[in-house]
PDB file of all heavy atoms in Angstrom:
ATOM      1  N   GLU A   1      23.984 -31.814 -13.917  1.00  0.00           N
ATOM      2  CA  GLU A   1      24.575 -31.074 -12.794  1.00  0.00           C
ATOM      3  C   GLU A   1      25.696 -30.161 -13.284  1.00  0.00           C
ATOM      4  O   GLU A   1      25.837 -29.037 -12.852  1.00  0.00           O
ATOM      5  CB  GLU A   1      25.123 -32.089 -11.779  1.00  0.00           C
ATOM      6  CG  GLU A   1      25.725 -31.414 -10.538  1.00  0.00           C
ATOM      7  CD  GLU A   1      26.244 -32.418  -9.522  1.00  0.00           C
ATOM      8  OE1 GLU A   1      25.957 -33.628  -9.658  1.00  0.00           O
ATOM      9  OE2 GLU A   1      26.978 -31.995  -8.604  1.00  0.00           O
ATOM     10  N   ALA A   2      26.493 -30.649 -14.246  1.00  0.00           N
ATOM     11  CA  ALA A   2      27.635 -29.855 -14.715  1.00  0.00           C
ATOM     12  C   ALA A   2      27.155 -28.622 -15.460  1.00  0.00           C
ATOM     13  O   ALA A   2      27.757 -27.546 -15.327  1.00  0.00           O
ATOM     14  CB  ALA A   2      28.510 -30.710 -15.657  1.00  0.00           C
ATOM     15  N   GLY A   3      26.065 -28.775 -16.199  1.00  0.00           N
ATOM     16  CA  GLY A   3      25.555 -27.605 -16.920  1.00  0.00           C
ATOM     17  C   GLY A   3      25.199 -26.449 -15.996  1.00  0.00           C
ATOM     18  O   GLY A   3      25.466 -25.281 -16.322  1.00  0.00           O
ATOM     19  N   GLY A   4      24.602 -26.775 -14.832  1.00  0.00           N
ATOM     20  CA  GLY A   4      24.287 -25.765 -13.847  1.00  0.00           C
ATOM     21  C   GLY A   4      25.480 -25.276 -13.078  1.00  0.00           C
ATOM     22  O   GLY A   4      25.650 -24.048 -12.834  1.00  0.00           O
ATOM     23  N   LYS A   5      26.395 -26.161 -12.719  1.00  0.00           N
ATOM     24  CA  LYS A   5      27.567 -25.795 -11.944  1.00  0.00           C
ATOM     25  C   LYS A   5      28.403 -24.779 -12.696  1.00  0.00           C
ATOM     26  O   LYS A   5      28.821 -23.754 -12.103  1.00  0.00           O
ATOM     27  CB  LYS A   5      28.413 -27.048 -11.676  1.00  0.00           C
ATOM     28  CG  LYS A   5      29.737 -26.756 -11.011  1.00  0.00           C
ATOM     29  CD  LYS A   5      30.587 -28.022 -10.852  1.00  0.00           C
ATOM     30  CE  LYS A   5      31.989 -27.710 -10.337  1.00  0.00           C
ATOM     31  NZ  LYS A   5      32.825 -28.936 -10.249  1.00  0.00           N
ATOM     32  N   PHE A   6      28.695 -24.992 -13.931  1.00  0.00           N
ATOM     33  CA  PHE A   6      29.556 -24.067 -14.697  1.00  0.00           C
ATOM     34  C   PHE A   6      28.818 -22.817 -15.118  1.00  0.00           C
ATOM     35  O   PHE A   6      29.452 -21.775 -15.357  1.00  0.00           O
ATOM     36  CB  PHE A   6      30.263 -24.794 -15.840  1.00  0.00           C
ATOM     37  CG  PHE A   6      31.279 -25.786 -15.344  1.00  0.00           C
ATOM     38  CD1 PHE A   6      30.980 -27.096 -15.119  1.00  0.00           C
ATOM     39  CD2 PHE A   6      32.549 -25.360 -15.011  1.00  0.00           C
ATOM     40  CE1 PHE A   6      31.943 -28.001 -14.655  1.00  0.00           C
ATOM     41  CE2 PHE A   6      33.543 -26.217 -14.514  1.00  0.00           C
ATOM     42  CZ  PHE A   6      33.201 -27.547 -14.344  1.00  0.00           C
ATOM     43  N   ALA A   7      27.503 -22.882 -15.213  1.00  0.00           N
ATOM     44  CA  ALA A   7      26.730 -21.660 -15.426  1.00  0.00           C
ATOM     45  C   ALA A   7      26.911 -20.688 -14.256  1.00  0.00           C
ATOM     46  O   ALA A   7      27.026 -19.480 -14.439  1.00  0.00           O
ATOM     47  CB  ALA A   7      25.252 -21.995 -15.633  1.00  0.00           C
ATOM     48  N   VAL A   8      26.869 -21.246 -13.016  1.00  0.00           N
ATOM     49  CA  VAL A   8      27.056 -20.414 -11.833  1.00  0.00           C
ATOM     50  C   VAL A   8      28.501 -19.865 -11.763  1.00  0.00           C
ATOM     51  O   VAL A   8      28.699 -18.727 -11.405  1.00  0.00           O
ATOM     52  CB  VAL A   8      26.693 -21.235 -10.572  1.00  0.00           C
ATOM     53  CG1 VAL A   8      27.109 -20.478  -9.316  1.00  0.00           C
ATOM     54  CG2 VAL A   8      25.213 -21.575 -10.539  1.00  0.00           C
ATOM     55  N   ILE A   9      29.466 -20.705 -12.120  1.00  0.00           N
ATOM     56  CA  ILE A   9      30.864 -20.221 -12.119  1.00  0.00           C
ATOM     57  C   ILE A   9      31.005 -19.065 -13.114  1.00  0.00           C
ATOM     58  O   ILE A   9      31.669 -18.055 -12.795  1.00  0.00           O
ATOM     59  CB  ILE A   9      31.845 -21.411 -12.513  1.00  0.00           C
ATOM     60  CG1 ILE A   9      31.890 -22.422 -11.403  1.00  0.00           C
ATOM     61  CG2 ILE A   9      33.223 -20.859 -12.814  1.00  0.00           C
ATOM     62  CD1 ILE A   9      32.681 -23.663 -11.702  1.00  0.00           C
ATOM     63  N   SER A  10      30.414 -19.184 -14.286  1.00  0.00           N
ATOM     64  CA  SER A  10      30.491 -18.112 -15.256  1.00  0.00           C
ATOM     65  C   SER A  10      29.817 -16.841 -14.686  1.00  0.00           C
ATOM     66  O   SER A  10      30.396 -15.726 -14.780  1.00  0.00           O
ATOM     67  CB  SER A  10      29.737 -18.528 -16.529  1.00  0.00           C
ATOM     68  OG  SER A  10      29.560 -17.414 -17.415  1.00  0.00           O
ATOM     69  N   LEU A  11      28.639 -16.971 -14.103  1.00  0.00           N
ATOM     70  CA  LEU A  11      27.909 -15.836 -13.587  1.00  0.00           C
ATOM     71  C   LEU A  11      28.659 -15.157 -12.432  1.00  0.00           C
ATOM     72  O   LEU A  11      28.789 -13.896 -12.455  1.00  0.00           O
ATOM     73  CB  LEU A  11      26.503 -16.283 -13.118  1.00  0.00           C
ATOM     74  CG  LEU A  11      25.658 -15.237 -12.411  1.00  0.00           C
ATOM     75  CD1 LEU A  11      25.351 -14.061 -13.373  1.00  0.00           C
ATOM     76  CD2 LEU A  11      24.378 -15.820 -11.886  1.00  0.00           C
ATOM     77  N   THR A  12      29.137 -15.946 -11.506  1.00  0.00           N
ATOM     78  CA  THR A  12      29.830 -15.310 -10.360  1.00  0.00           C
ATOM     79  C   THR A  12      31.125 -14.668 -10.782  1.00  0.00           C
ATOM     80  O   THR A  12      31.519 -13.658 -10.224  1.00  0.00           O
ATOM     81  CB  THR A  12      30.060 -16.352  -9.220  1.00  0.00           C
ATOM     82  OG1 THR A  12      30.758 -17.479  -9.785  1.00  0.00           O
ATOM     83  CG2 THR A  12      28.727 -16.809  -8.628  1.00  0.00           C
ATOM     84  N   SER A  13      31.811 -15.221 -11.743  1.00  0.00           N
ATOM     85  CA  SER A  13      33.036 -14.622 -12.281  1.00  0.00           C
ATOM     86  C   SER A  13      32.724 -13.306 -12.927  1.00  0.00           C
ATOM     87  O   SER A  13      33.475 -12.314 -12.746  1.00  0.00           O
ATOM     88  CB  SER A  13      33.712 -15.556 -13.268  1.00  0.00           C
ATOM     89  OG  SER A  13      34.092 -16.782 -12.665  1.00  0.00           O
ATOM     90  N   ALA A  14      31.683 -13.238 -13.687  1.00  0.00           N
ATOM     91  CA  ALA A  14      31.265 -12.006 -14.365  1.00  0.00           C
ATOM     92  C   ALA A  14      30.857 -10.914 -13.395  1.00  0.00           C
ATOM     93  O   ALA A  14      31.235  -9.734 -13.505  1.00  0.00           O
ATOM     94  CB  ALA A  14      30.149 -12.277 -15.337  1.00  0.00           C
ATOM     95  N   VAL A  15      30.152 -11.339 -12.342  1.00  0.00           N
ATOM     96  CA  VAL A  15      29.722 -10.337 -11.307  1.00  0.00           C
ATOM     97  C   VAL A  15      30.920  -9.829 -10.547  1.00  0.00           C
ATOM     98  O   VAL A  15      30.990  -8.627 -10.228  1.00  0.00           O
ATOM     99  CB  VAL A  15      28.698 -11.036 -10.355  1.00  0.00           C
ATOM    100  CG1 VAL A  15      28.492 -10.159  -9.101  1.00  0.00           C
ATOM    101  CG2 VAL A  15      27.369 -11.217 -11.080  1.00  0.00           C
ATOM    102  N   GLN A  16      31.894 -10.663 -10.274  1.00  0.00           N
ATOM    103  CA  GLN A  16      33.126 -10.206  -9.591  1.00  0.00           C
ATOM    104  C   GLN A  16      33.831  -9.170 -10.487  1.00  0.00           C
ATOM    105  O   GLN A  16      34.320  -8.138  -9.991  1.00  0.00           O
ATOM    106  CB  GLN A  16      34.047 -11.387  -9.306  1.00  0.00           C
ATOM    107  CG  GLN A  16      35.275 -11.000  -8.439  1.00  0.00           C
ATOM    108  CD  GLN A  16      34.880 -10.458  -7.073  1.00  0.00           C
ATOM    109  OE1 GLN A  16      33.912 -10.890  -6.483  1.00  0.00           O
ATOM    110  NE2 GLN A  16      35.653  -9.451  -6.605  1.00  0.00           N
ATOM    111  N   ALA A  17      33.902  -9.435 -11.770  1.00  0.00           N
ATOM    112  CA  ALA A  17      34.540  -8.481 -12.701  1.00  0.00           C
ATOM    113  C   ALA A  17      33.772  -7.162 -12.731  1.00  0.00           C
ATOM    114  O   ALA A  17      34.325  -6.107 -12.861  1.00  0.00           O
ATOM    115  CB  ALA A  17      34.607  -9.094 -14.104  1.00  0.00           C
ATOM    116  N   LEU A  18      32.432  -7.261 -12.640  1.00  0.00           N
ATOM    117  CA  LEU A  18      31.575  -6.059 -12.630  1.00  0.00           C
ATOM    118  C   LEU A  18      31.830  -5.237 -11.346  1.00  0.00           C
ATOM    119  O   LEU A  18      31.956  -4.015 -11.432  1.00  0.00           O
ATOM    120  CB  LEU A  18      30.130  -6.473 -12.725  1.00  0.00           C
ATOM    121  CG  LEU A  18      29.072  -5.412 -12.987  1.00  0.00           C
ATOM    122  CD1 LEU A  18      29.427  -4.630 -14.269  1.00  0.00           C
ATOM    123  CD2 LEU A  18      27.706  -6.024 -13.122  1.00  0.00           C
ATOM    124  N   LYS A  19      31.925  -5.936 -10.223  1.00  0.00           N
ATOM    125  CA  LYS A  19      32.238  -5.253  -8.956  1.00  0.00           C
ATOM    126  C   LYS A  19      33.552  -4.562  -8.972  1.00  0.00           C
ATOM    127  O   LYS A  19      33.728  -3.477  -8.425  1.00  0.00           O
ATOM    128  CB  LYS A  19      32.174  -6.249  -7.792  1.00  0.00           C
ATOM    129  CG  LYS A  19      30.789  -6.726  -7.443  1.00  0.00           C
ATOM    130  CD  LYS A  19      30.852  -7.667  -6.260  1.00  0.00           C
ATOM    131  CE  LYS A  19      29.427  -8.073  -5.782  1.00  0.00           C
ATOM    132  NZ  LYS A  19      29.524  -8.971  -4.563  1.00  0.00           N
ATOM    133  N   GLU A  20      34.526  -5.166  -9.659  1.00  0.00           N
ATOM    134  CA  GLU A  20      35.893  -4.617  -9.651  1.00  0.00           C
ATOM    135  C   GLU A  20      36.084  -3.601 -10.771  1.00  0.00           C
ATOM    136  O   GLU A  20      37.163  -3.013 -10.854  1.00  0.00           O
ATOM    137  CB  GLU A  20      36.895  -5.800  -9.831  1.00  0.00           C
ATOM    138  CG  GLU A  20      36.929  -6.734  -8.619  1.00  0.00           C
ATOM    139  CD  GLU A  20      37.821  -7.925  -8.862  1.00  0.00           C
ATOM    140  OE1 GLU A  20      38.389  -8.074  -9.963  1.00  0.00           O
ATOM    141  OE2 GLU A  20      37.969  -8.744  -7.897  1.00  0.00           O
ATOM    142  N   GLY A  21      35.077  -3.346 -11.540  1.00  0.00           N
ATOM    143  CA  GLY A  21      35.148  -2.301 -12.587  1.00  0.00           C
ATOM    144  C   GLY A  21      35.849  -2.715 -13.847  1.00  0.00           C
ATOM    145  O   GLY A  21      36.183  -1.898 -14.695  1.00  0.00           O
ATOM    146  N   HIS A  22      36.053  -4.037 -14.042  1.00  0.00           N
ATOM    147  CA  HIS A  22      36.682  -4.507 -15.258  1.00  0.00           C
ATOM    148  C   HIS A  22      35.707  -4.524 -16.450  1.00  0.00           C
ATOM    149  O   HIS A  22      36.145  -4.433 -17.587  1.00  0.00           O
ATOM    150  CB  HIS A  22      37.233  -5.922 -15.051  1.00  0.00           C
ATOM    151  CG  HIS A  22      38.343  -6.003 -14.039  1.00  0.00           C
ATOM    152  ND1 HIS A  22      39.466  -5.231 -14.117  1.00  0.00           N
ATOM    153  CD2 HIS A  22      38.447  -6.780 -12.932  1.00  0.00           C
ATOM    154  CE1 HIS A  22      40.247  -5.538 -13.035  1.00  0.00           C
ATOM    155  NE2 HIS A  22      39.641  -6.481 -12.329  1.00  0.00           N
ATOM    156  N   ILE A  23      34.452  -4.664 -16.166  1.00  0.00           N
ATOM    157  CA  ILE A  23      33.424  -4.583 -17.191  1.00  0.00           C
ATOM    158  C   ILE A  23      32.416  -3.532 -16.789  1.00  0.00           C
ATOM    159  O   ILE A  23      32.272  -3.174 -15.606  1.00  0.00           O
ATOM    160  CB  ILE A  23      32.727  -5.945 -17.424  1.00  0.00           C
ATOM    161  CG1 ILE A  23      32.041  -6.454 -16.171  1.00  0.00           C
ATOM    162  CG2 ILE A  23      33.707  -6.975 -17.946  1.00  0.00           C
ATOM    163  CD1 ILE A  23      31.262  -7.741 -16.331  1.00  0.00           C
ATOM    164  N   ASP A  24      31.678  -2.982 -17.758  1.00  0.00           N
ATOM    165  CA  ASP A  24      30.765  -1.884 -17.504  1.00  0.00           C
ATOM    166  C   ASP A  24      29.311  -2.289 -17.424  1.00  0.00           C
ATOM    167  O   ASP A  24      28.481  -1.556 -16.936  1.00  0.00           O
ATOM    168  CB  ASP A  24      30.923  -0.829 -18.584  1.00  0.00           C
ATOM    169  CG  ASP A  24      32.318  -0.217 -18.659  1.00  0.00           C
ATOM    170  OD1 ASP A  24      32.731   0.373 -17.639  1.00  0.00           O
ATOM    171  OD2 ASP A  24      32.974  -0.411 -19.708  1.00  0.00           O
ATOM    172  N   GLY A  25      29.013  -3.473 -17.878  1.00  0.00           N
ATOM    173  CA  GLY A  25      27.639  -3.993 -17.865  1.00  0.00           C
ATOM    174  C   GLY A  25      27.648  -5.502 -18.011  1.00  0.00           C
ATOM    175  O   GLY A  25      28.670  -6.083 -18.435  1.00  0.00           O
ATOM    176  N   LEU A  26      26.520  -6.102 -17.724  1.00  0.00           N
ATOM    177  CA  LEU A  26      26.422  -7.567 -17.740  1.00  0.00           C
ATOM    178  C   LEU A  26      25.205  -8.002 -18.529  1.00  0.00           C
ATOM    179  O   LEU A  26      24.101  -7.519 -18.292  1.00  0.00           O
ATOM    180  CB  LEU A  26      26.360  -8.117 -16.322  1.00  0.00           C
ATOM    181  CG  LEU A  26      26.105  -9.614 -16.169  1.00  0.00           C
ATOM    182  CD1 LEU A  26      27.243 -10.418 -16.749  1.00  0.00           C
ATOM    183  CD2 LEU A  26      25.934  -9.962 -14.685  1.00  0.00           C
ATOM    184  N   VAL A  27      25.426  -8.964 -19.429  1.00  0.00           N
ATOM    185  CA  VAL A  27      24.334  -9.627 -20.119  1.00  0.00           C
ATOM    186  C   VAL A  27      24.394 -11.124 -19.754  1.00  0.00           C
ATOM    187  O   VAL A  27      25.428 -11.735 -19.895  1.00  0.00           O
ATOM    188  CB  VAL A  27      24.466  -9.471 -21.653  1.00  0.00           C
ATOM    189  CG1 VAL A  27      23.390 -10.274 -22.384  1.00  0.00           C
ATOM    190  CG2 VAL A  27      24.403  -8.007 -22.066  1.00  0.00           C
ATOM    191  N   THR A  28      23.267 -11.634 -19.273  1.00  0.00           N
ATOM    192  CA  THR A  28      23.281 -13.026 -18.760  1.00  0.00           C
ATOM    193  C   THR A  28      22.510 -13.943 -19.696  1.00  0.00           C
ATOM    194  O   THR A  28      21.360 -13.680 -20.060  1.00  0.00           O
ATOM    195  CB  THR A  28      22.622 -13.103 -17.368  1.00  0.00           C
ATOM    196  OG1 THR A  28      21.285 -12.585 -17.400  1.00  0.00           O
ATOM    197  CG2 THR A  28      23.434 -12.313 -16.364  1.00  0.00           C
ATOM    198  N   ALA A  29      23.116 -15.030 -20.105  1.00  0.00           N
ATOM    199  CA  ALA A  29      22.438 -16.098 -20.870  1.00  0.00           C
ATOM    200  C   ALA A  29      21.601 -16.916 -19.916  1.00  0.00           C
ATOM    201  O   ALA A  29      21.884 -16.963 -18.686  1.00  0.00           O
ATOM    202  CB  ALA A  29      23.471 -16.915 -21.624  1.00  0.00           C
ATOM    203  N   PRO A  30      20.591 -17.607 -20.383  1.00  0.00           N
ATOM    204  CA  PRO A  30      19.652 -18.319 -19.528  1.00  0.00           C
ATOM    205  C   PRO A  30      20.252 -19.446 -18.691  1.00  0.00           C
ATOM    206  O   PRO A  30      21.132 -20.217 -19.163  1.00  0.00           O
ATOM    207  CB  PRO A  30      18.597 -18.869 -20.482  1.00  0.00           C
ATOM    208  CG  PRO A  30      18.784 -18.089 -21.716  1.00  0.00           C
ATOM    209  CD  PRO A  30      20.200 -17.727 -21.825  1.00  0.00           C
ATOM    210  N   ILE A  31      19.797 -19.551 -17.471  1.00  0.00           N
ATOM    211  CA  ILE A  31      20.110 -20.695 -16.581  1.00  0.00           C
ATOM    212  C   ILE A  31      18.825 -21.420 -16.209  1.00  0.00           C
ATOM    213  O   ILE A  31      17.724 -20.940 -16.471  1.00  0.00           O
ATOM    214  CB  ILE A  31      20.832 -20.247 -15.270  1.00  0.00           C
ATOM    215  CG1 ILE A  31      19.952 -19.301 -14.464  1.00  0.00           C
ATOM    216  CG2 ILE A  31      22.159 -19.583 -15.618  1.00  0.00           C
ATOM    217  CD1 ILE A  31      20.575 -18.889 -13.116  1.00  0.00           C
ATOM    218  N   ASN A  32      18.975 -22.603 -15.626  1.00  0.00           N
ATOM    219  CA  ASN A  32      17.840 -23.399 -15.207  1.00  0.00           C
ATOM    220  C   ASN A  32      17.877 -23.530 -13.704  1.00  0.00           C
ATOM    221  O   ASN A  32      18.859 -23.945 -13.123  1.00  0.00           O
ATOM    222  CB  ASN A  32      17.855 -24.782 -15.866  1.00  0.00           C
ATOM    223  CG  ASN A  32      16.575 -25.532 -15.669  1.00  0.00           C
ATOM    224  OD1 ASN A  32      16.226 -25.947 -14.577  1.00  0.00           O
ATOM    225  ND2 ASN A  32      15.852 -25.768 -16.757  1.00  0.00           N
TER     226      ASN A  32
END
């Protein structure tokens, strides 16, 4: 459960940074 929970936290944090213009592109590592 923890493996998936923190994968989502990482993804949503990155997407928020993308929306706010802090990063220019996103590369996602695999989730289950």
